[in-house]
Amino acid sequence: MSAFAVPGDVVRWVVAPRRVAWGAIGVAALGFWLVLPPVGSRSFVWPAALGAIAAVAGLWAALQGERKIGWGAVAVAGLCAVLGYGATRSSLAHLDGAYTTSSGSGVVDWGQMIGLMFVFATPVAFASIGGMFSERSGVVNIGLEGMMLGGAFFGILGADKLGSWELGLVTAMASGAVFGLIHAFFAVNMRADQIVGGTAINFLALGVTGYFFIQIYGENGTPGTGIPSIPDVQLRFLDHIPPKSPGHPSFWYQAIGQLNLMTWLLFGVLIVAQIVMFRTSIGLRLRSVGEHPRAADTVGISVYKTRYGAVVLSGMIASLGGAYLAIGYTHSFTENMTAGRGFIGLAALIFGNWRPGGAFAAALLFGFFGGLATRVQGYGYEVQVLVQALPYLITLIAVVGVIGRSVPPAAVGRPYVKQ
């Protein structure tokens, strides 16, 4: 046998249908990237050729049994080809962030786009991590949306009336704990349908926050100034690190040099959640309750107490995402301001297979398209609205296309009756 022969196992590993499908997605994305700044090829050949290759590879993977990721690769190939064609037809003034026009800078400024991605991903990621604790214990938490909304209102209310954004975070977490306690009572003690119970939490939060908002602030809404806000962390030293365009901040400073303190707190929450859930006895007990509550009860683990604690903690973490929206990003509150981010967080949790890292990666995907919507204003209102709808479309695709391969906790959604 030749010294350069490739073992059959290596070949089979490389050409596995699932890996081919993921590779096809990467190839399609490469074709689109080549027509964007800084490469900026003005030829449609690259997205068309690489998109065709990716579509063929995705179709082959689908025919080999990997239907969801295979057809997903075909869809991504088509989308990248269409977007690539649009990019080649766009003017550089609209496309390249290095150009500045009367309507603002171009769309593609990678530093700003990454920074906006973190901005829009932060509340979604908080909701996802909160939902993970609840669902890992066996309780479905559709009420993440309501818990976030409660955190947004009571967070800014606490910051306003108590004169401190730190106390605003405390009041936000307290509201999340209360909503979580209500959901846990109906799900654990009353053994109510958890989907219906979570939906009721959402309506309860919408009604409570709307009522108190009008009663306290009236039709004029929250004050435009004077409410303490969560500060941004300014890392000025990053502005001196290349790459940097003349007259513009450096890539690194725009990407991570001016993120809100809550985003940095999120990074810590992700690490702690990973360690607690998969490296401690507390996490092992919580996961055992979500997988096999009868066996956990047999060895002395209190299923009821564990689920209560997990759901309350879920509400507290999710409420931090709402508090970030109100006192860290918009510095105000409007009715129903979470606008479905709790549901997107739940979809990110499913997409990430009920793990912190995967959920955060999915949140970044949603956050990228949310930030992109703020960069396409130069193309007209219709395009902006279309891009704003993409995160919700991706939510549907993620749940429908990925839920079949995700493996939820075995006892999630099933009430437990102690013998």
Protein backbone atom coordinates (compact mmCIF):
# COMPACT_ATOMS: atom_id res chain seq x y z
CA MET A 1 0.00 0.00 0.00
CA SER A 2 1.25 3.49 -0.84
CA ALA A 3 2.62 5.57 2.00
CA PHE A 4 0.28 8.36 0.90
CA ALA A 5 -2.88 6.25 0.79
CA VAL A 6 -5.78 7.66 2.74
CA PRO A 7 -7.45 5.17 5.10
CA GLY A 8 -11.03 4.30 4.25
CA ASP A 9 -12.27 5.43 7.67
CA VAL A 10 -10.91 8.93 7.04
CA VAL A 11 -12.66 9.11 3.67
CA ARG A 12 -15.95 7.96 5.17
CA TRP A 13 -15.58 10.54 7.94
CA VAL A 14 -14.95 13.36 5.47
CA VAL A 15 -17.80 12.46 3.09
CA ALA A 16 -20.36 11.76 5.78
CA PRO A 17 -23.63 13.32 4.52
CA ARG A 18 -24.06 15.58 7.55
CA ARG A 19 -20.51 16.98 7.24
CA VAL A 20 -20.98 17.46 3.51
CA ALA A 21 -24.18 19.43 4.18
CA TRP A 22 -22.46 21.68 6.71
CA GLY A 23 -19.57 22.12 4.29
CA ALA A 24 -22.06 23.10 1.59
CA ILE A 25 -23.45 25.82 3.84
CA GLY A 26 -19.91 27.12 4.35
CA VAL A 27 -19.23 27.10 0.60
CA ALA A 28 -22.45 29.03 -0.13
CA ALA A 29 -21.59 31.58 2.56
CA LEU A 30 -18.10 31.95 1.07
CA GLY A 31 -19.59 32.79 -2.32
CA PHE A 32 -21.68 35.54 -0.73
CA TRP A 33 -18.78 36.83 1.36
CA LEU A 34 -16.56 37.25 -1.70
CA VAL A 35 -18.84 39.95 -3.12
CA LEU A 36 -18.91 41.88 0.16
CA PRO A 37 -16.29 44.31 1.48
CA PRO A 38 -13.40 44.09 2.06
CA VAL A 39 -13.02 41.67 -0.90
CA GLY A 40 -15.80 43.35 -2.84
CA SER A 41 -15.78 41.33 -6.06
CA ARG A 42 -18.35 42.86 -8.40
CA SER A 43 -18.86 39.62 -10.34
CA PHE A 44 -21.89 37.39 -9.80
CA VAL A 45 -19.82 34.38 -10.86
CA TRP A 46 -18.63 33.59 -7.32
CA PRO A 47 -22.01 33.40 -5.54
CA ALA A 48 -23.57 31.65 -8.55
CA ALA A 49 -20.84 29.00 -8.96
CA LEU A 50 -20.27 28.29 -5.28
CA GLY A 51 -24.02 28.40 -4.64
CA ALA A 52 -24.57 25.77 -7.35
CA ILE A 53 -21.89 23.54 -5.86
CA ALA A 54 -23.41 23.95 -2.40
CA ALA A 55 -26.91 23.16 -3.70
CA VAL A 56 -25.71 19.95 -5.35
CA ALA A 57 -23.85 18.88 -2.21
CA GLY A 58 -26.87 19.66 -0.04
CA LEU A 59 -29.16 17.71 -2.37
CA TRP A 60 -26.79 14.72 -2.22
CA ALA A 61 -26.78 14.86 1.58
CA ALA A 62 -30.59 15.00 1.60
CA LEU A 63 -30.81 11.95 -0.66
CA GLN A 64 -28.41 10.12 1.66
CA GLY A 65 -30.79 10.52 4.59
CA GLU A 66 -29.75 13.87 6.10
CA ARG A 67 -32.91 15.53 4.88
CA LYS A 68 -33.22 18.49 7.21
CA ILE A 69 -29.66 19.75 7.11
CA GLY A 70 -29.37 18.74 3.45
CA TRP A 71 -32.42 20.71 2.31
CA GLY A 72 -31.32 23.45 4.67
CA ALA A 73 -28.04 23.65 2.75
CA VAL A 74 -29.97 23.88 -0.52
CA ALA A 75 -32.06 26.73 0.90
CA VAL A 76 -28.98 28.55 2.20
CA ALA A 77 -27.29 28.14 -1.20
CA GLY A 78 -30.26 29.74 -2.93
CA LEU A 79 -30.47 32.55 -0.37
CA CYS A 80 -26.74 33.33 -0.64
CA ALA A 81 -26.95 33.37 -4.43
CA VAL A 82 -29.87 35.82 -4.33
CA LEU A 83 -28.18 38.04 -1.76
CA GLY A 84 -24.93 37.85 -3.73
CA TYR A 85 -26.72 39.03 -6.86
CA GLY A 86 -28.23 41.91 -4.93
CA ALA A 87 -24.83 42.85 -3.52
CA THR A 88 -23.25 42.97 -6.99
CA ARG A 89 -26.04 45.25 -8.17
CA SER A 90 -25.70 47.62 -5.21
CA SER A 91 -23.54 50.71 -5.29
CA LEU A 92 -20.42 50.78 -3.14
CA ALA A 93 -21.74 53.83 -1.29
CA HIS A 94 -24.63 51.73 0.00
CA LEU A 95 -22.61 48.58 0.52
CA ASP A 96 -19.21 49.51 1.92
CA GLY A 97 -19.03 50.90 5.45
CA ALA A 98 -15.91 52.85 4.49
CA TYR A 99 -18.12 55.14 2.38
CA THR A 100 -20.27 57.80 4.00
CA THR A 101 -23.26 59.41 2.30
CA SER A 102 -26.01 61.79 3.37
CA SER A 103 -28.06 58.79 4.55
CA GLY A 104 -25.24 57.37 6.64
CA SER A 105 -22.44 54.87 6.17
CA GLY A 106 -22.67 51.73 4.07
CA VAL A 107 -24.20 48.48 5.26
CA VAL A 108 -21.11 46.31 5.52
CA ASP A 109 -18.94 47.52 8.36
CA TRP A 110 -17.93 44.30 10.05
CA GLY A 111 -16.88 45.92 13.31
CA GLN A 112 -20.21 47.69 13.76
CA MET A 113 -22.16 44.65 12.60
CA ILE A 114 -20.48 42.41 15.17
CA GLY A 115 -21.10 44.99 17.88
CA LEU A 116 -24.79 45.19 16.91
CA MET A 117 -24.97 41.41 16.85
CA PHE A 118 -23.98 41.30 20.54
CA VAL A 119 -26.44 44.11 21.32
CA PHE A 120 -29.41 42.26 19.84
CA ALA A 121 -28.28 38.80 20.99
CA THR A 122 -27.93 39.73 24.67
CA PRO A 123 -31.64 39.69 25.70
CA VAL A 124 -32.28 36.54 23.65
CA ALA A 125 -29.35 34.76 25.28
CA PHE A 126 -30.51 35.67 28.79
CA ALA A 127 -33.94 34.21 27.97
CA SER A 128 -32.32 31.04 26.56
CA ILE A 129 -30.14 30.42 29.61
CA GLY A 130 -33.08 31.02 31.91
CA GLY A 131 -35.22 28.62 29.90
CA MET A 132 -32.49 25.98 30.05
CA PHE A 133 -32.68 25.68 33.83
CA SER A 134 -36.45 25.32 33.77
CA GLU A 135 -36.62 22.81 30.94
CA ARG A 136 -33.68 20.76 32.18
CA SER A 137 -35.71 20.22 35.36
CA GLY A 138 -38.70 19.03 33.32
CA VAL A 139 -40.86 22.19 33.20
CA VAL A 140 -41.60 23.78 29.82
CA ASN A 141 -41.25 27.55 30.12
CA ILE A 142 -43.30 29.26 27.44
CA GLY A 143 -43.58 32.15 29.90
CA LEU A 144 -40.08 33.48 29.16
CA GLU A 145 -41.63 36.32 27.17
CA GLY A 146 -43.70 37.47 30.12
CA MET A 147 -40.79 37.13 32.54
CA MET A 148 -38.65 39.30 30.27
CA LEU A 149 -41.41 41.88 29.95
CA GLY A 150 -41.81 41.99 33.73
CA GLY A 151 -38.07 42.44 34.10
CA ALA A 152 -38.12 45.32 31.62
CA PHE A 153 -40.88 47.26 33.38
CA PHE A 154 -39.99 46.60 37.01
CA GLY A 155 -36.30 47.06 36.20
CA ILE A 156 -36.79 50.58 34.90
CA LEU A 157 -39.34 51.30 37.63
CA GLY A 158 -36.84 50.29 40.31
CA ALA A 159 -34.05 52.27 38.67
CA ASP A 160 -36.29 55.33 38.45
CA LYS A 161 -37.84 55.30 41.91
CA LEU A 162 -34.81 53.96 43.83
CA GLY A 163 -32.27 56.06 41.92
CA SER A 164 -29.92 53.20 41.04
CA TRP A 165 -29.62 50.87 38.07
CA GLU A 166 -28.22 48.21 40.40
CA LEU A 167 -31.42 48.28 42.42
CA GLY A 168 -33.31 48.28 39.14
CA LEU A 169 -31.69 44.93 38.33
CA VAL A 170 -32.67 43.65 41.76
CA THR A 171 -36.32 44.62 41.27
CA ALA A 172 -36.26 43.08 37.79
CA MET A 173 -34.96 39.79 39.17
CA ALA A 174 -37.57 39.91 41.95
CA SER A 175 -40.34 40.28 39.36
CA GLY A 176 -38.91 37.36 37.39
CA ALA A 177 -38.82 35.26 40.56
CA VAL A 178 -42.50 36.04 41.27
CA PHE A 179 -43.60 35.12 37.74
CA GLY A 180 -41.46 31.99 37.95
CA LEU A 181 -43.02 31.09 41.31
CA ILE A 182 -46.51 31.42 39.85
CA HIS A 183 -45.60 29.27 36.87
CA ALA A 184 -43.98 26.66 39.13
CA PHE A 185 -47.04 26.52 41.40
CA PHE A 186 -49.38 25.71 38.53
CA ALA A 187 -46.93 23.38 36.77
CA VAL A 188 -45.68 21.46 39.82
CA ASN A 189 -48.38 21.55 42.48
CA MET A 190 -51.49 21.97 40.36
CA ARG A 191 -50.06 19.80 37.53
CA ALA A 192 -51.63 22.14 34.96
CA ASP A 193 -50.72 21.98 31.30
CA GLN A 194 -47.35 23.74 31.16
CA ILE A 195 -47.90 25.26 27.72
CA VAL A 196 -51.19 26.80 28.82
CA GLY A 197 -49.63 27.92 32.12
CA GLY A 198 -46.71 29.61 30.36
CA THR A 199 -49.06 31.35 27.95
CA ALA A 200 -51.06 32.61 30.94
CA ILE A 201 -47.84 34.04 32.42
CA ASN A 202 -47.28 35.97 29.21
CA PHE A 203 -50.77 37.47 29.28
CA LEU A 204 -50.49 38.17 33.00
CA ALA A 205 -47.21 40.04 32.53
CA LEU A 206 -48.62 41.98 29.58
CA GLY A 207 -51.63 43.06 31.62
CA VAL A 208 -49.74 43.86 34.83
CA THR A 209 -47.00 45.88 33.16
CA GLY A 210 -49.47 47.70 30.91
CA TYR A 211 -51.70 48.64 33.85
CA PHE A 212 -48.95 49.89 36.14
CA PHE A 213 -47.20 51.64 33.25
CA ILE A 214 -50.29 53.76 32.59
CA GLN A 215 -51.01 54.28 36.29
CA ILE A 216 -47.47 55.41 37.15
CA TYR A 217 -46.22 57.13 34.00
CA GLY A 218 -49.40 57.97 32.14
CA GLU A 219 -49.65 58.60 28.42
CA ASN A 220 -46.35 60.49 28.35
CA GLY A 221 -44.42 57.31 29.20
CA THR A 222 -41.17 57.00 31.09
CA PRO A 223 -39.01 60.15 31.47
CA GLY A 224 -36.61 60.75 28.63
CA THR A 225 -33.79 61.67 31.01
CA GLY A 226 -32.87 61.18 34.63
CA ILE A 227 -33.34 57.42 34.91
CA PRO A 228 -30.04 55.68 35.87
CA SER A 229 -28.91 53.38 33.08
CA ILE A 230 -26.58 50.41 32.93
CA PRO A 231 -23.25 51.75 31.65
CA ASP A 232 -21.29 50.68 28.60
CA VAL A 233 -17.80 49.29 29.18
CA GLN A 234 -15.39 51.44 27.17
CA LEU A 235 -12.20 49.58 26.21
CA ARG A 236 -10.36 52.51 24.63
CA PHE A 237 -7.09 50.61 24.21
CA LEU A 238 -8.72 48.47 21.51
CA ASP A 239 -8.95 51.53 19.26
CA HIS A 240 -5.17 51.36 18.78
CA ILE A 241 -5.20 47.76 17.48
CA PRO A 242 -5.28 47.25 13.68
CA PRO A 243 -7.16 46.83 11.38
CA LYS A 244 -8.24 50.45 11.38
CA SER A 245 -9.39 52.71 8.56
CA PRO A 246 -8.33 56.38 8.53
CA GLY A 247 -10.83 58.49 10.43
CA HIS A 248 -12.71 55.46 11.75
CA PRO A 249 -12.47 53.50 15.03
CA SER A 250 -10.63 50.21 14.84
CA PHE A 251 -12.43 46.97 14.05
CA TRP A 252 -11.85 45.62 17.55
CA TYR A 253 -13.14 48.73 19.30
CA GLN A 254 -16.33 48.76 17.22
CA ALA A 255 -16.87 45.02 17.73
CA ILE A 256 -16.29 44.60 21.47
CA GLY A 257 -14.87 47.87 22.77
CA GLN A 258 -18.13 49.57 23.76
CA LEU A 259 -20.46 46.77 24.79
CA ASN A 260 -22.92 47.22 27.61
CA LEU A 261 -22.02 45.87 31.03
CA MET A 262 -24.92 43.40 30.76
CA THR A 263 -23.32 41.79 27.72
CA TRP A 264 -20.14 41.15 29.69
CA LEU A 265 -22.28 39.85 32.55
CA LEU A 266 -23.89 37.49 30.05
CA PHE A 267 -20.50 35.97 29.23
CA GLY A 268 -20.02 35.21 32.92
CA VAL A 269 -23.53 33.76 33.21
CA LEU A 270 -22.80 31.44 30.28
CA ILE A 271 -19.66 30.10 31.92
CA VAL A 272 -21.31 29.67 35.31
CA ALA A 273 -24.36 27.99 33.74
CA GLN A 274 -22.14 25.50 31.88
CA ILE A 275 -20.18 24.64 35.00
CA VAL A 276 -23.20 24.38 37.30
CA MET A 277 -25.28 22.33 34.88
CA PHE A 278 -22.63 19.85 33.74
CA ARG A 279 -19.84 19.92 36.33
CA THR A 280 -21.56 20.04 39.73
CA SER A 281 -23.78 17.78 41.82
CA ILE A 282 -26.49 20.46 41.74
CA GLY A 283 -26.63 20.28 37.96
CA LEU A 284 -26.60 16.49 38.04
CA ARG A 285 -29.59 16.47 40.40
CA LEU A 286 -31.46 19.01 38.29
CA ARG A 287 -30.86 17.04 35.10
CA SER A 288 -31.86 13.77 36.78
CA VAL A 289 -35.19 15.34 37.78
CA GLY A 290 -35.75 16.36 34.16
CA GLU A 291 -34.76 12.97 32.77
CA HIS A 292 -36.18 10.47 35.27
CA PRO A 293 -37.99 12.12 38.20
CA ARG A 294 -39.10 8.78 39.70
CA ALA A 295 -35.52 7.55 39.95
CA ALA A 296 -34.40 10.91 41.37
CA ASP A 297 -37.13 10.74 44.01
CA THR A 298 -36.10 7.20 44.90
CA VAL A 299 -32.56 8.30 45.80
CA GLY A 300 -33.82 11.17 47.96
CA ILE A 301 -33.87 14.13 45.55
CA SER A 302 -36.93 16.34 46.05
CA VAL A 303 -38.49 16.65 42.60
CA TYR A 304 -40.87 19.42 43.68
CA LYS A 305 -38.23 21.58 45.36
CA THR A 306 -35.80 21.12 42.47
CA ARG A 307 -38.36 22.14 39.89
CA TYR A 308 -39.51 25.09 41.97
CA GLY A 309 -35.93 26.34 42.31
CA ALA A 310 -35.18 25.82 38.62
CA VAL A 311 -38.28 27.67 37.40
CA VAL A 312 -37.76 30.58 39.81
CA LEU A 313 -34.11 30.83 38.74
CA SER A 314 -35.28 30.67 35.13
CA GLY A 315 -37.50 33.71 35.69
CA MET A 316 -34.73 35.65 37.40
CA ILE A 317 -32.25 35.10 34.58
CA ALA A 318 -34.79 35.81 31.84
CA SER A 319 -35.81 39.04 33.60
CA LEU A 320 -32.22 40.27 33.24
CA GLY A 321 -32.73 40.21 29.48
CA GLY A 322 -35.77 42.44 29.86
CA ALA A 323 -33.93 44.77 32.25
CA TYR A 324 -31.14 45.10 29.71
CA LEU A 325 -33.64 46.20 27.06
CA ALA A 326 -35.18 48.86 29.31
CA ILE A 327 -32.29 50.31 31.34
CA GLY A 328 -29.30 49.18 29.30
CA TYR A 329 -30.31 49.69 25.67
CA THR A 330 -33.42 51.83 25.05
CA HIS A 331 -33.36 53.65 28.45
CA SER A 332 -37.16 53.65 28.41
CA PHE A 333 -40.14 51.34 28.58
CA THR A 334 -42.98 50.85 26.12
CA GLU A 335 -45.80 48.36 26.34
CA ASN A 336 -44.90 44.89 25.03
CA MET A 337 -41.38 46.10 24.26
CA THR A 338 -39.90 42.59 24.34
CA ALA A 339 -41.69 41.97 21.02
CA GLY A 340 -41.34 38.18 20.98
CA ARG A 341 -37.74 37.96 22.13
CA GLY A 342 -38.72 35.44 24.80
CA PHE A 343 -40.07 33.11 22.13
CA ILE A 344 -36.92 33.61 20.06
CA GLY A 345 -34.91 32.73 23.19
CA LEU A 346 -36.90 29.51 23.53
CA ALA A 347 -36.21 28.70 19.88
CA ALA A 348 -32.50 29.40 20.44
CA LEU A 349 -32.59 27.00 23.39
CA ILE A 350 -34.07 24.25 21.21
CA PHE A 351 -31.63 25.10 18.39
CA GLY A 352 -28.75 24.84 20.89
CA ASN A 353 -29.90 21.43 22.15
CA TRP A 354 -30.58 22.72 25.67
CA ARG A 355 -26.93 23.68 26.24
CA PRO A 356 -25.53 27.14 27.09
CA GLY A 357 -22.98 27.27 24.27
CA GLY A 358 -25.39 26.12 21.59
CA ALA A 359 -28.12 28.47 22.81
CA PHE A 360 -25.70 31.41 22.77
CA ALA A 361 -24.55 30.55 19.24
CA ALA A 362 -28.18 30.51 18.08
CA ALA A 363 -28.81 33.82 19.86
CA LEU A 364 -25.86 35.32 17.96
CA LEU A 365 -27.44 34.19 14.69
CA PHE A 366 -30.71 35.89 15.57
CA GLY A 367 -28.83 38.93 16.85
CA PHE A 368 -26.89 39.28 13.61
CA PHE A 369 -30.05 39.66 11.53
CA GLY A 370 -31.58 41.95 14.13
CA GLY A 371 -28.54 44.22 13.87
CA LEU A 372 -28.50 43.98 10.09
CA ALA A 373 -31.97 45.56 9.99
CA THR A 374 -30.50 48.74 11.46
CA ARG A 375 -27.84 48.86 8.73
CA VAL A 376 -30.05 48.66 5.63
CA GLN A 377 -31.96 51.91 6.01
CA GLY A 378 -30.31 53.28 2.89
CA TYR A 379 -32.12 50.66 0.79
CA GLY A 380 -35.57 51.90 1.80
CA TYR A 381 -38.20 51.20 4.40
CA GLU A 382 -39.49 48.04 2.70
CA VAL A 383 -36.09 46.35 2.79
CA GLN A 384 -35.61 47.31 6.43
CA VAL A 385 -38.96 45.79 7.43
CA LEU A 386 -38.14 42.63 5.46
CA VAL A 387 -34.81 42.21 7.24
CA GLN A 388 -36.49 42.88 10.60
CA ALA A 389 -38.76 39.92 9.90
CA LEU A 390 -35.84 37.57 9.27
CA PRO A 391 -35.18 36.70 12.97
CA TYR A 392 -38.77 35.49 13.30
CA LEU A 393 -38.52 33.51 10.07
CA ILE A 394 -35.28 31.95 11.29
CA THR A 395 -37.08 31.08 14.54
CA LEU A 396 -39.65 29.07 12.60
CA ILE A 397 -36.98 27.37 10.51
CA ALA A 398 -34.92 26.56 13.61
CA VAL A 399 -37.82 25.02 15.50
CA VAL A 400 -39.26 23.12 12.55
CA GLY A 401 -35.96 22.10 10.99
CA VAL A 402 -33.84 21.39 14.04
CA ILE A 403 -36.28 20.18 16.67
CA GLY A 404 -36.30 16.75 15.08
CA ARG A 405 -32.60 16.30 15.77
CA SER A 406 -32.59 17.98 19.19
CA VAL A 407 -33.09 15.68 22.16
CA PRO A 408 -35.09 17.38 24.94
CA PRO A 409 -35.04 16.17 28.55
CA ALA A 410 -37.08 12.97 28.69
CA ALA A 411 -39.57 14.18 31.33
CA VAL A 412 -40.00 17.76 30.10
CA GLY A 413 -43.64 18.81 30.14
CA ARG A 414 -44.73 15.83 32.25
CA PRO A 415 -46.17 16.59 35.70
CA TYR A 416 -44.81 14.38 38.48
CA VAL A 417 -47.02 12.78 41.08
CA LYS A 418 -45.20 11.70 44.22
CA GLN A 419 -46.17 8.20 45.36
